[in-house]
């Protein structure tokens, strides 16, 4: 916080401000494939593979999420102009 106040940020900062509830929209995708193989009466092999995808969340209405751009000292507002 001190480096941000001195105008020397070392990484990007962001704010999420929701005026209405619920305004956060997010998708989550999960896939699971599994198999069980019984080699003998005393040995069973279980195999499984899981894949997960978390795309970034989006606001329900334009202008509710933003990120700070330290290069030109501005906020980039989601849903305003060409910013998705």
Protein backbone atom coordinates (compact mmCIF):
# COMPACT_ATOMS: atom_id res chain seq x y z
CA UNK A 1 0.00 0.00 0.00
CA UNK A 2 2.86 2.35 0.75
CA UNK A 3 4.42 1.90 -2.69
CA UNK A 4 1.03 2.57 -4.28
CA UNK A 5 0.70 5.82 -2.32
CA UNK A 6 4.19 6.82 -3.46
CA UNK A 7 3.16 6.07 -7.08
CA UNK A 8 5.61 3.14 -7.26
CA UNK A 9 3.41 0.02 -7.52
CA UNK A 10 5.22 -3.22 -8.29
CA UNK A 11 2.15 -5.11 -9.52
CA UNK A 12 -1.35 -4.44 -10.73
CA UNK A 13 -4.14 -3.85 -8.25
CA UNK A 14 -7.84 -4.24 -8.71
CA UNK A 15 -11.18 -3.55 -7.15
CA UNK A 16 -14.46 -5.40 -7.37
CA UNK A 17 -17.42 -3.30 -6.32
CA UNK A 18 -20.89 -4.69 -6.75
CA UNK A 19 -23.73 -2.21 -6.51
CA UNK A 20 -26.46 -4.83 -6.89
CA UNK A 21 -26.46 -8.37 -5.53
CA UNK A 22 -25.76 -10.85 -7.09
CA UNK A 23 -23.75 -9.36 -9.92
CA UNK A 24 -20.79 -11.75 -10.22
CA UNK A 25 -21.15 -14.21 -13.11
CA UNK A 26 -18.80 -17.17 -13.38
CA UNK A 27 -18.71 -20.53 -15.12
CA UNK A 28 -16.91 -23.59 -13.82
CA UNK A 29 -16.32 -26.69 -15.91
CA UNK A 30 -15.33 -30.10 -14.49
CA UNK A 31 -14.80 -33.43 -16.24
CA UNK A 32 -13.97 -36.73 -14.58
CA UNK A 33 -13.21 -40.08 -16.17
CA UNK A 34 -12.57 -43.11 -14.05
CA UNK A 35 -12.14 -46.84 -14.35
CA UNK A 36 -11.80 -49.76 -11.95
CA UNK A 37 -9.91 -52.91 -12.87
CA UNK A 38 -9.79 -55.97 -10.64
CA UNK A 39 -6.55 -57.82 -11.40
CA UNK A 40 -7.05 -60.51 -8.76
CA UNK A 41 -9.38 -61.12 -5.83
CA UNK A 42 -7.02 -59.14 -3.59
CA UNK A 43 -5.82 -56.45 -6.05
CA UNK A 44 -8.02 -53.75 -7.51
CA UNK A 45 -6.69 -50.78 -9.47
CA UNK A 46 -8.67 -47.53 -9.57
CA UNK A 47 -7.67 -44.93 -12.16
CA UNK A 48 -9.14 -41.48 -12.59
CA UNK A 49 -8.46 -38.28 -14.46
CA UNK A 50 -10.00 -34.90 -13.58
CA UNK A 51 -9.95 -31.72 -15.68
CA UNK A 52 -11.08 -28.35 -14.33
CA UNK A 53 -11.51 -24.97 -16.05
CA UNK A 54 -12.22 -21.71 -14.24
CA UNK A 55 -12.78 -18.89 -16.76
CA UNK A 56 -12.55 -15.38 -15.32
CA UNK A 57 -15.67 -13.97 -13.73
CA UNK A 58 -17.60 -11.17 -15.35
CA UNK A 59 -19.95 -8.53 -13.94
CA UNK A 60 -23.63 -8.71 -14.72
CA UNK A 61 -23.70 -5.00 -15.57
CA UNK A 62 -21.04 -2.83 -17.30
CA UNK A 63 -18.74 -0.82 -15.08
CA UNK A 64 -18.80 -2.93 -11.93
CA UNK A 65 -15.28 -4.43 -12.10
CA UNK A 66 -12.04 -2.61 -12.80
CA UNK A 67 -8.28 -3.04 -12.65
CA UNK A 68 -5.60 -0.45 -11.96
CA UNK A 69 -3.10 0.10 -14.79
CA UNK A 70 0.14 1.44 -13.25
CA UNK A 71 1.68 2.26 -16.66
CA UNK A 72 -0.62 5.21 -17.28
CA UNK A 73 -2.10 5.54 -13.75
CA UNK A 74 -5.70 4.78 -14.74
CA UNK A 75 -8.46 2.33 -13.92
CA UNK A 76 -9.54 -0.03 -16.70
CA UNK A 77 -13.28 -0.50 -16.26
CA UNK A 78 -14.88 -3.76 -17.47
CA UNK A 79 -17.75 -3.37 -19.92
CA UNK A 80 -16.95 0.24 -20.83
CA UNK A 81 -15.62 0.95 -24.32
CA UNK A 82 -13.67 -1.90 -25.88
CA UNK A 83 -12.87 -3.56 -22.52
CA UNK A 84 -14.75 -6.89 -22.21
